[in-house]
Amino acid sequence: DEIVGTFVFIPPGSKLLNCFEDGDTVTHSDKSLKRNL
């Protein structure tokens, strides 16, 4: 259950989060409504 890898492409309305390593997690960057990402 270790967080691994890096996200190298993310959609608008999102941003990278560095939980344990750079870019290993993605989260939203605004409150816009989302459906398909």
All heavy atoms as atom14 arrays in JSON, in Angstrom:
{
  "sequence": "DEIVGTFVFIPPGSKLLNCFEDGDTVTHSDKSLKRNL",
  "atom14_mask": [
    [1, 1, 1, 1, 1, 1, 1, 1, 0, 0, 0, 0, 0, 0],
    [1, 1, 1, 1, 1, 1, 1, 1, 1, 0, 0, 0, 0, 0],
    [1, 1, 1, 1, 1, 1, 1, 1, 0, 0, 0, 0, 0, 0],
    [1, 1, 1, 1, 1, 1, 1, 0, 0, 0, 0, 0, 0, 0],
    [1, 1, 1, 1, 0, 0, 0, 0, 0, 0, 0, 0, 0, 0],
    [1, 1, 1, 1, 1, 1, 1, 0, 0, 0, 0, 0, 0, 0],
    [1, 1, 1, 1, 1, 1, 1, 1, 1, 1, 1, 0, 0, 0],
    [1, 1, 1, 1, 1, 1, 1, 0, 0, 0, 0, 0, 0, 0],
    [1, 1, 1, 1, 1, 1, 1, 1, 1, 1, 1, 0, 0, 0],
    [1, 1, 1, 1, 1, 1, 1, 1, 0, 0, 0, 0, 0, 0],
    [1, 1, 1, 1, 1, 1, 1, 0, 0, 0, 0, 0, 0, 0],
    [1, 1, 1, 1, 1, 1, 1, 0, 0, 0, 0, 0, 0, 0],
    [1, 1, 1, 1, 0, 0, 0, 0, 0, 0, 0, 0, 0, 0],
    [1, 1, 1, 1, 1, 1, 0, 0, 0, 0, 0, 0, 0, 0],
    [1, 1, 1, 1, 1, 1, 1, 1, 1, 0, 0, 0, 0, 0],
    [1, 1, 1, 1, 1, 1, 1, 1, 0, 0, 0, 0, 0, 0],
    [1, 1, 1, 1, 1, 1, 1, 1, 0, 0, 0, 0, 0, 0],
    [1, 1, 1, 1, 1, 1, 1, 1, 0, 0, 0, 0, 0, 0],
    [1, 1, 1, 1, 1, 1, 0, 0, 0, 0, 0, 0, 0, 0],
    [1, 1, 1, 1, 1, 1, 1, 1, 1, 1, 1, 0, 0, 0],
    [1, 1, 1, 1, 1, 1, 1, 1, 1, 0, 0, 0, 0, 0],
    [1, 1, 1, 1, 1, 1, 1, 1, 0, 0, 0, 0, 0, 0],
    [1, 1, 1, 1, 0, 0, 0, 0, 0, 0, 0, 0, 0, 0],
    [1, 1, 1, 1, 1, 1, 1, 1, 0, 0, 0, 0, 0, 0],
    [1, 1, 1, 1, 1, 1, 1, 0, 0, 0, 0, 0, 0, 0],
    [1, 1, 1, 1, 1, 1, 1, 0, 0, 0, 0, 0, 0, 0],
    [1, 1, 1, 1, 1, 1, 1, 0, 0, 0, 0, 0, 0, 0],
    [1, 1, 1, 1, 1, 1, 1, 1, 1, 1, 0, 0, 0, 0],
    [1, 1, 1, 1, 1, 1, 0, 0, 0, 0, 0, 0, 0, 0],
    [1, 1, 1, 1, 1, 1, 1, 1, 0, 0, 0, 0, 0, 0],
    [1, 1, 1, 1, 1, 1, 1, 1, 1, 0, 0, 0, 0, 0],
    [1, 1, 1, 1, 1, 1, 0, 0, 0, 0, 0, 0, 0, 0],
    [1, 1, 1, 1, 1, 1, 1, 1, 0, 0, 0, 0, 0, 0],
    [1, 1, 1, 1, 1, 1, 1, 1, 1, 0, 0, 0, 0, 0],
    [1, 1, 1, 1, 1, 1, 1, 1, 1, 1, 1, 0, 0, 0],
    [1, 1, 1, 1, 1, 1, 1, 1, 0, 0, 0, 0, 0, 0],
    [1, 1, 1, 1, 1, 1, 1, 1, 0, 0, 0, 0, 0, 0]
  ],
  "atom14_positions": [
    [[0.81, -1.22, 0.0], [0.0, 0.0, 0.0], [0.85, 1.27, 0.0], [0.43, 2.3, 0.5], [-0.96, -0.02, 1.19], [-2.18, 0.87, 0.97], [-2.68, 0.92, -0.17], [-2.61, 1.53, 1.93], [0.0, 0.0, 0.0], [0.0, 0.0, 0.0], [0.0, 0.0, 0.0], [0.0, 0.0, 0.0], [0.0, 0.0, 0.0], [0.0, 0.0, 0.0]],
    [[2.06, 1.21, -0.57], [2.95, 2.36, -0.63], [2.6, 3.23, -1.84], [2.36, 2.72, -2.93], [4.39, 1.86, -0.76], [5.43, 2.95, -0.8], [6.83, 2.37, -0.94], [7.1, 1.31, -0.36], [7.65, 2.99, -1.66], [0.0, 0.0, 0.0], [0.0, 0.0, 0.0], [0.0, 0.0, 0.0], [0.0, 0.0, 0.0], [0.0, 0.0, 0.0]],
    [[2.57, 4.56, -1.64], [2.31, 5.5, -2.74], [3.54, 5.51, -3.64], [4.67, 5.68, -3.15], [2.02, 6.91, -2.2], [0.8, 6.88, -1.27], [1.8, 7.89, -3.35], [0.61, 8.15, -0.49], [0.0, 0.0, 0.0], [0.0, 0.0, 0.0], [0.0, 0.0, 0.0], [0.0, 0.0, 0.0], [0.0, 0.0, 0.0], [0.0, 0.0, 0.0]],
    [[3.33, 5.32, -4.95], [4.46, 5.19, -5.88], [4.22, 5.96, -7.17], [3.09, 6.27, -7.53], [4.74, 3.7, -6.23], [5.27, 2.96, -5.02], [3.49, 3.03, -6.77], [0.0, 0.0, 0.0], [0.0, 0.0, 0.0], [0.0, 0.0, 0.0], [0.0, 0.0, 0.0], [0.0, 0.0, 0.0], [0.0, 0.0, 0.0], [0.0, 0.0, 0.0]],
    [[5.31, 6.22, -7.89], [5.24, 6.83, -9.2], [5.0, 8.33, -9.16], [4.95, 8.95, -8.1], [0.0, 0.0, 0.0], [0.0, 0.0, 0.0], [0.0, 0.0, 0.0], [0.0, 0.0, 0.0], [0.0, 0.0, 0.0], [0.0, 0.0, 0.0], [0.0, 0.0, 0.0], [0.0, 0.0, 0.0], [0.0, 0.0, 0.0], [0.0, 0.0, 0.0]],
    [[4.86, 8.88, -10.36], [4.7, 10.32, -10.52], [3.65, 10.58, -11.6], [3.66, 9.92, -12.64], [6.03, 10.95, -10.99], [7.05, 10.61, -10.06], [5.92, 12.45, -11.1], [0.0, 0.0, 0.0], [0.0, 0.0, 0.0], [0.0, 0.0, 0.0], [0.0, 0.0, 0.0], [0.0, 0.0, 0.0], [0.0, 0.0, 0.0], [0.0, 0.0, 0.0]],
    [[2.79, 11.54, -11.36], [1.84, 11.93, -12.39], [2.53, 12.95, -13.3], [3.05, 13.96, -12.82], [0.56, 12.48, -11.78], [-0.28, 11.39, -11.17], [-0.11, 11.01, -9.85], [-1.19, 10.7, -11.95], [-0.85, 9.98, -9.3], [-1.94, 9.65, -11.41], [-1.77, 9.3, -10.09], [0.0, 0.0, 0.0], [0.0, 0.0, 0.0], [0.0, 0.0, 0.0]],
    [[2.55, 12.66, -14.61], [3.26, 13.51, -15.56], [2.3, 14.31, -16.45], [2.73, 15.2, -17.17], [4.25, 12.7, -16.43], [5.38, 12.15, -15.55], [3.56, 11.58, -17.19], [0.0, 0.0, 0.0], [0.0, 0.0, 0.0], [0.0, 0.0, 0.0], [0.0, 0.0, 0.0], [0.0, 0.0, 0.0], [0.0, 0.0, 0.0], [0.0, 0.0, 0.0]],
    [[1.01, 13.98, -16.41], [-0.01, 14.77, -17.09], [-1.21, 14.84, -16.18], [-1.69, 13.82, -15.69], [-0.42, 14.17, -18.43], [-1.58, 14.91, -19.05], [-1.37, 16.09, -19.75], [-2.88, 14.45, -18.87], [-2.44, 16.8, -20.27], [-3.97, 15.15, -19.4], [-3.74, 16.33, -20.11], [0.0, 0.0, 0.0], [0.0, 0.0, 0.0], [0.0, 0.0, 0.0]],
    [[-1.71, 16.07, -15.94], [-2.91, 16.27, -15.14], [-3.82, 17.25, -15.87], [-3.35, 18.12, -16.6], [-2.58, 16.77, -13.71], [-1.84, 18.1, -13.75], [-1.78, 15.71, -12.96], [-1.63, 18.73, -12.38], [0.0, 0.0, 0.0], [0.0, 0.0, 0.0], [0.0, 0.0, 0.0], [0.0, 0.0, 0.0], [0.0, 0.0, 0.0], [0.0, 0.0, 0.0]],
    [[-5.14, 17.12, -15.7], [-6.07, 18.0, -16.4], [-6.21, 19.36, -15.72], [-5.81, 19.52, -14.56], [-7.38, 17.23, -16.34], [-7.29, 16.43, -15.08], [-5.83, 16.08, -14.93], [0.0, 0.0, 0.0], [0.0, 0.0, 0.0], [0.0, 0.0, 0.0], [0.0, 0.0, 0.0], [0.0, 0.0, 0.0], [0.0, 0.0, 0.0], [0.0, 0.0, 0.0]],
    [[-6.79, 20.34, -16.43], [-7.08, 21.64, -15.8], [-7.97, 21.42, -14.57], [-8.75, 20.48, -14.53], [-7.85, 22.39, -16.89], [-7.49, 21.71, -18.17], [-7.22, 20.28, -17.83], [0.0, 0.0, 0.0], [0.0, 0.0, 0.0], [0.0, 0.0, 0.0], [0.0, 0.0, 0.0], [0.0, 0.0, 0.0], [0.0, 0.0, 0.0], [0.0, 0.0, 0.0]],
    [[-7.84, 22.29, -13.6], [-8.63, 22.16, -12.37], [-8.02, 21.19, -11.38], [-8.65, 20.82, -10.4], [0.0, 0.0, 0.0], [0.0, 0.0, 0.0], [0.0, 0.0, 0.0], [0.0, 0.0, 0.0], [0.0, 0.0, 0.0], [0.0, 0.0, 0.0], [0.0, 0.0, 0.0], [0.0, 0.0, 0.0], [0.0, 0.0, 0.0], [0.0, 0.0, 0.0]],
    [[-6.77, 20.77, -11.65], [-6.08, 19.87, -10.73], [-4.65, 20.33, -10.54], [-4.15, 21.18, -11.28], [-6.12, 18.43, -11.26], [-5.44, 18.32, -12.48], [0.0, 0.0, 0.0], [0.0, 0.0, 0.0], [0.0, 0.0, 0.0], [0.0, 0.0, 0.0], [0.0, 0.0, 0.0], [0.0, 0.0, 0.0], [0.0, 0.0, 0.0], [0.0, 0.0, 0.0]],
    [[-4.0, 19.79, -9.51], [-2.61, 20.14, -9.22], [-1.91, 18.96, -8.56], [-2.56, 18.08, -7.98], [-2.52, 21.38, -8.33], [-3.05, 21.15, -6.92], [-2.95, 22.41, -6.09], [-3.45, 22.16, -4.67], [-3.37, 23.35, -3.85], [0.0, 0.0, 0.0], [0.0, 0.0, 0.0], [0.0, 0.0, 0.0], [0.0, 0.0, 0.0], [0.0, 0.0, 0.0]],
    [[-0.59, 18.95, -8.69], [0.22, 17.9, -8.07], [0.37, 18.18, -6.58], [0.45, 19.34, -6.16], [1.6, 17.82, -8.73], [1.59, 17.36, -10.18], [2.99, 17.5, -10.78], [1.1, 15.93, -10.31], [0.0, 0.0, 0.0], [0.0, 0.0, 0.0], [0.0, 0.0, 0.0], [0.0, 0.0, 0.0], [0.0, 0.0, 0.0], [0.0, 0.0, 0.0]],
    [[0.42, 17.11, -5.82], [0.65, 17.18, -4.38], [1.81, 16.24, -4.08], [1.88, 15.16, -4.66], [-0.63, 16.73, -3.65], [-0.75, 16.95, -2.16], [-0.7, 18.44, -1.82], [-2.05, 16.35, -1.65], [0.0, 0.0, 0.0], [0.0, 0.0, 0.0], [0.0, 0.0, 0.0], [0.0, 0.0, 0.0], [0.0, 0.0, 0.0], [0.0, 0.0, 0.0]],
    [[2.72, 16.66, -3.25], [3.89, 15.85, -2.93], [3.69, 15.2, -1.56], [4.08, 15.76, -0.54], [5.15, 16.71, -2.93], [5.35, 17.43, -4.24], [4.94, 16.95, -5.29], [5.95, 18.61, -4.19], [0.0, 0.0, 0.0], [0.0, 0.0, 0.0], [0.0, 0.0, 0.0], [0.0, 0.0, 0.0], [0.0, 0.0, 0.0], [0.0, 0.0, 0.0]],
    [[3.08, 14.01, -1.55], [2.85, 13.32, -0.28], [4.15, 12.74, 0.26], [4.52, 12.99, 1.39], [1.8, 12.23, -0.45], [0.13, 12.9, -0.58], [0.0, 0.0, 0.0], [0.0, 0.0, 0.0], [0.0, 0.0, 0.0], [0.0, 0.0, 0.0], [0.0, 0.0, 0.0], [0.0, 0.0, 0.0], [0.0, 0.0, 0.0], [0.0, 0.0, 0.0]],
    [[4.85, 11.94, -0.56], [6.13, 11.36, -0.15], [7.23, 11.69, -1.14], [8.38, 11.79, -0.79], [6.0, 9.86, 0.06], [5.06, 9.53, 1.19], [3.77, 9.11, 0.94], [5.46, 9.69, 2.51], [2.9, 8.84, 1.98], [4.6, 9.43, 3.56], [3.32, 9.0, 3.3], [0.0, 0.0, 0.0], [0.0, 0.0, 0.0], [0.0, 0.0, 0.0]],
    [[6.88, 11.82, -2.41], [7.83, 12.2, -3.45], [7.14, 13.21, -4.36], [5.92, 13.28, -4.41], [8.27, 10.97, -4.25], [9.07, 9.97, -3.44], [9.59, 8.83, -4.29], [9.69, 8.98, -5.51], [9.91, 7.79, -3.7], [0.0, 0.0, 0.0], [0.0, 0.0, 0.0], [0.0, 0.0, 0.0], [0.0, 0.0, 0.0], [0.0, 0.0, 0.0]],
    [[7.93, 13.96, -5.11], [7.38, 14.98, -5.99], [6.34, 14.39, -6.95], [6.64, 13.44, -7.68], [8.49, 15.65, -6.81], [9.36, 16.57, -5.96], [8.99, 16.82, -4.79], [10.4, 17.01, -6.45], [0.0, 0.0, 0.0], [0.0, 0.0, 0.0], [0.0, 0.0, 0.0], [0.0, 0.0, 0.0], [0.0, 0.0, 0.0], [0.0, 0.0, 0.0]],
    [[5.14, 14.96, -6.95], [4.13, 14.6, -7.93], [3.54, 13.22, -7.81], [2.98, 12.7, -8.76], [0.0, 0.0, 0.0], [0.0, 0.0, 0.0], [0.0, 0.0, 0.0], [0.0, 0.0, 0.0], [0.0, 0.0, 0.0], [0.0, 0.0, 0.0], [0.0, 0.0, 0.0], [0.0, 0.0, 0.0], [0.0, 0.0, 0.0], [0.0, 0.0, 0.0]],
    [[3.58, 12.62, -6.61], [3.05, 11.26, -6.46], [1.53, 11.23, -6.24], [0.92, 10.17, -6.25], [3.76, 10.5, -5.34], [3.61, 11.14, -3.96], [2.85, 12.13, -3.8], [4.26, 10.64, -3.02], [0.0, 0.0, 0.0], [0.0, 0.0, 0.0], [0.0, 0.0, 0.0], [0.0, 0.0, 0.0], [0.0, 0.0, 0.0], [0.0, 0.0, 0.0]],
    [[0.92, 12.39, -6.09], [-0.51, 12.49, -5.82], [-1.08, 13.67, -6.61], [-0.38, 14.65, -6.84], [-0.73, 12.71, -4.3], [-0.15, 11.61, -3.59], [-2.2, 12.82, -3.94], [0.0, 0.0, 0.0], [0.0, 0.0, 0.0], [0.0, 0.0, 0.0], [0.0, 0.0, 0.0], [0.0, 0.0, 0.0], [0.0, 0.0, 0.0], [0.0, 0.0, 0.0]],
    [[-2.35, 13.57, -7.01], [-3.03, 14.67, -7.69], [-4.29, 15.01, -6.89], [-4.98, 14.11, -6.4], [-3.44, 14.3, -9.13], [-4.05, 15.5, -9.85], [-2.26, 13.78, -9.93], [0.0, 0.0, 0.0], [0.0, 0.0, 0.0], [0.0, 0.0, 0.0], [0.0, 0.0, 0.0], [0.0, 0.0, 0.0], [0.0, 0.0, 0.0], [0.0, 0.0, 0.0]],
    [[-4.59, 16.29, -6.78], [-5.8, 16.76, -6.14], [-6.41, 17.88, -6.97], [-5.81, 18.33, -7.94], [-5.52, 17.23, -4.69], [-6.76, 17.51, -4.02], [-4.65, 18.47, -4.65], [0.0, 0.0, 0.0], [0.0, 0.0, 0.0], [0.0, 0.0, 0.0], [0.0, 0.0, 0.0], [0.0, 0.0, 0.0], [0.0, 0.0, 0.0], [0.0, 0.0, 0.0]],
    [[-7.63, 18.29, -6.6], [-8.29, 19.39, -7.3], [-7.61, 20.71, -6.93], [-7.03, 20.84, -5.86], [-9.78, 19.43, -6.97], [-10.06, 19.57, -5.5], [-9.89, 18.53, -4.6], [-10.48, 20.62, -4.77], [-10.2, 18.95, -3.39], [-10.56, 20.21, -3.45], [0.0, 0.0, 0.0], [0.0, 0.0, 0.0], [0.0, 0.0, 0.0], [0.0, 0.0, 0.0]],
    [[-7.71, 21.69, -7.83], [-7.14, 23.01, -7.54], [-8.22, 24.09, -7.46], [-7.92, 25.23, -7.19], [-6.11, 23.39, -8.61], [-6.71, 23.47, -9.87], [0.0, 0.0, 0.0], [0.0, 0.0, 0.0], [0.0, 0.0, 0.0], [0.0, 0.0, 0.0], [0.0, 0.0, 0.0], [0.0, 0.0, 0.0], [0.0, 0.0, 0.0], [0.0, 0.0, 0.0]],
    [[-9.47, 23.7, -7.72], [-10.58, 24.65, -7.61], [-11.87, 23.88, -7.34], [-11.88, 22.66, -7.3], [-10.7, 25.51, -8.87], [-10.96, 24.69, -10.13], [-11.69, 23.68, -10.08], [-10.42, 25.06, -11.18], [0.0, 0.0, 0.0], [0.0, 0.0, 0.0], [0.0, 0.0, 0.0], [0.0, 0.0, 0.0], [0.0, 0.0, 0.0], [0.0, 0.0, 0.0]],
    [[-12.95, 24.62, -7.13], [-14.24, 24.0, -6.81], [-15.1, 23.74, -8.04], [-16.26, 23.39, -7.91], [-15.03, 24.89, -5.85], [-14.44, 24.99, -4.47], [-15.37, 25.68, -3.5], [-15.74, 27.07, -3.94], [-16.5, 27.82, -2.96], [0.0, 0.0, 0.0], [0.0, 0.0, 0.0], [0.0, 0.0, 0.0], [0.0, 0.0, 0.0], [0.0, 0.0, 0.0]],
    [[-14.53, 23.89, -9.22], [-15.35, 23.67, -10.43], [-15.87, 22.24, -10.44], [-15.22, 21.32, -9.94], [-14.52, 23.94, -11.69], [-13.49, 22.99, -11.81], [0.0, 0.0, 0.0], [0.0, 0.0, 0.0], [0.0, 0.0, 0.0], [0.0, 0.0, 0.0], [0.0, 0.0, 0.0], [0.0, 0.0, 0.0], [0.0, 0.0, 0.0], [0.0, 0.0, 0.0]],
    [[-17.06, 22.06, -11.02], [-17.65, 20.73, -11.07], [-16.91, 19.89, -12.1], [-16.57, 20.36, -13.18], [-19.13, 20.83, -11.41], [-19.96, 21.57, -10.36], [-21.42, 21.66, -10.79], [-19.85, 20.9, -8.99], [0.0, 0.0, 0.0], [0.0, 0.0, 0.0], [0.0, 0.0, 0.0], [0.0, 0.0, 0.0], [0.0, 0.0, 0.0], [0.0, 0.0, 0.0]],
    [[-16.65, 18.64, -11.74], [-15.87, 17.74, -12.58], [-16.68, 16.48, -12.84], [-17.53, 16.11, -12.06], [-14.57, 17.38, -11.86], [-13.67, 18.57, -11.61], [-12.76, 18.34, -10.41], [-11.97, 19.56, -10.02], [-12.74, 20.68, -9.56], [0.0, 0.0, 0.0], [0.0, 0.0, 0.0], [0.0, 0.0, 0.0], [0.0, 0.0, 0.0], [0.0, 0.0, 0.0]],
    [[-16.41, 15.8, -13.95], [-17.08, 14.56, -14.28], [-16.13, 13.53, -14.87], [-16.09, 12.41, -14.42], [-18.22, 14.83, -15.25], [-19.46, 14.08, -14.88], [-20.6, 14.48, -15.77], [-21.65, 15.04, -14.98], [-22.88, 14.62, -15.01], [-23.23, 13.67, -15.83], [-23.78, 15.15, -14.25], [0.0, 0.0, 0.0], [0.0, 0.0, 0.0], [0.0, 0.0, 0.0]],
    [[-15.39, 13.9, -15.91], [-14.49, 12.98, -16.6], [-13.1, 13.61, -16.65], [-12.94, 14.71, -17.16], [-14.99, 12.7, -18.01], [-16.36, 12.06, -17.98], [-16.59, 11.09, -17.28], [-17.29, 12.64, -18.72], [0.0, 0.0, 0.0], [0.0, 0.0, 0.0], [0.0, 0.0, 0.0], [0.0, 0.0, 0.0], [0.0, 0.0, 0.0], [0.0, 0.0, 0.0]],
    [[-12.12, 12.91, -16.1], [-10.77, 13.44, -16.01], [-9.77, 12.42, -16.54], [-9.95, 11.22, -16.35], [-10.41, 13.76, -14.55], [-11.33, 14.73, -13.81], [-10.97, 14.77, -12.33], [-11.21, 16.12, -14.42], [0.0, 0.0, 0.0], [0.0, 0.0, 0.0], [0.0, 0.0, 0.0], [0.0, 0.0, 0.0], [0.0, 0.0, 0.0], [0.0, 0.0, 0.0]]
  ]
}
